[in-house]
Amino acid sequence: MKPVRLSIHASEQLHYRGIEEDEVFEVIRTSPWEPAKRGKIQASKEFLYQNEWNKKFYSYKQVKPVFIEEKTEIVVITVYAYYFNTEVKA
């Protein structure tokens, strides 16, 4: 697989959205890819979270990077996080 690089925007968003860099790489490497808006690609994966986020306890966190595949690398444009208390089956 091609190397994965975070854009400046994606890198900055990790902290604000409670996402670890390794989670983004894992999602891209292990989850099915699907089309996203404007010719981009997305993938998502649910992680066991068992922690607080914004003063509320959550059991699960879904990480969803949006990226493009270039000739030599995969560039992550942005990353979303969704927090849940029940497991979401895709």
Protein backbone atom coordinates (compact mmCIF):
# COMPACT_ATOMS: atom_id res chain seq x y z
CA MET A 1 0.00 0.00 0.00
CA LYS A 2 1.09 3.56 -0.70
CA PRO A 3 2.26 5.74 2.19
CA VAL A 4 -0.46 7.78 3.90
CA ARG A 5 0.08 11.49 4.56
CA LEU A 6 -2.15 13.84 6.54
CA SER A 7 -2.83 17.28 5.06
CA ILE A 8 -2.26 20.23 7.36
CA HIS A 9 -6.02 20.56 7.84
CA ALA A 10 -6.47 16.86 8.68
CA SER A 11 -3.56 16.95 11.09
CA GLU A 12 -5.00 19.97 12.91
CA GLN A 13 -8.45 18.38 13.14
CA LEU A 14 -7.21 15.24 14.93
CA HIS A 15 -6.96 17.00 18.29
CA TYR A 16 -10.25 18.87 17.96
CA ARG A 17 -12.14 15.70 17.07
CA GLY A 18 -10.48 13.31 19.50
CA ILE A 19 -8.80 11.14 16.87
CA GLU A 20 -5.41 9.43 17.04
CA GLU A 21 -3.19 9.47 13.95
CA ASP A 22 -2.78 5.67 14.14
CA GLU A 23 -6.56 5.25 14.00
CA VAL A 24 -6.69 7.13 10.69
CA PHE A 25 -3.97 4.93 9.20
CA GLU A 26 -5.69 1.77 10.44
CA VAL A 27 -9.02 2.78 8.91
CA ILE A 28 -7.45 3.45 5.51
CA ARG A 29 -5.43 0.22 5.54
CA THR A 30 -8.12 -2.16 6.85
CA SER A 31 -11.57 -0.81 5.91
CA PRO A 32 -13.36 -0.86 2.55
CA TRP A 33 -13.07 2.33 0.54
CA GLU A 34 -16.12 4.01 -0.94
CA PRO A 35 -16.75 7.11 -3.05
CA ALA A 36 -17.15 10.45 -1.30
CA LYS A 37 -18.17 13.88 -2.56
CA ARG A 38 -16.19 15.69 -5.25
CA GLY A 39 -14.24 12.62 -6.40
CA LYS A 40 -12.72 11.88 -3.02
CA ILE A 41 -12.65 8.55 -1.18
CA GLN A 42 -13.79 7.71 2.35
CA ALA A 43 -13.59 4.79 4.73
CA SER A 44 -14.85 4.28 8.27
CA LYS A 45 -14.23 2.03 11.22
CA GLU A 46 -15.71 1.76 14.68
CA PHE A 47 -13.40 1.59 17.69
CA LEU A 48 -14.20 0.62 21.26
CA TYR A 49 -13.85 3.92 23.13
CA GLN A 50 -15.09 3.55 26.74
CA ASN A 51 -14.20 7.12 27.64
CA GLU A 52 -15.52 10.66 27.99
CA TRP A 53 -15.73 13.12 25.13
CA ASN A 54 -17.04 16.65 25.76
CA LYS A 55 -18.06 15.68 29.31
CA LYS A 56 -20.17 12.70 28.21
CA PHE A 57 -19.28 9.02 28.36
CA TYR A 58 -19.26 7.06 25.08
CA SER A 59 -18.73 3.38 24.40
CA TYR A 60 -17.77 3.64 20.73
CA LYS A 61 -16.05 6.03 18.37
CA GLN A 62 -16.30 5.87 14.59
CA VAL A 63 -13.39 7.38 12.65
CA LYS A 64 -14.03 8.43 9.05
CA PRO A 65 -11.15 9.85 6.99
CA VAL A 66 -11.78 11.50 3.61
CA PHE A 67 -8.81 11.21 1.26
CA ILE A 68 -7.48 11.11 -2.30
CA GLU A 69 -5.19 8.57 -3.88
CA GLU A 70 -2.31 10.09 -5.82
CA LYS A 71 0.34 8.29 -7.85
CA THR A 72 2.80 7.94 -4.97
CA GLU A 73 0.75 8.45 -1.80
CA ILE A 74 -2.65 8.67 -0.14
CA VAL A 75 -3.43 12.17 1.13
CA VAL A 76 -5.96 12.57 3.94
CA ILE A 77 -7.99 15.74 3.39
CA THR A 78 -10.04 15.69 6.60
CA VAL A 79 -11.17 13.28 9.32
CA TYR A 80 -14.50 12.99 11.11
CA ALA A 81 -15.31 11.32 14.42
CA TYR A 82 -18.71 10.18 15.62
CA TYR A 83 -19.34 9.05 19.18
CA PHE A 84 -21.98 6.45 20.17
CA ASN A 85 -23.18 4.42 23.10
CA THR A 86 -24.49 1.53 21.03
CA GLU A 87 -22.50 -0.36 18.45
CA VAL A 88 -23.30 0.75 14.90
CA LYS A 89 -23.27 -1.99 12.29
CA ALA A 90 -22.42 -0.79 8.81
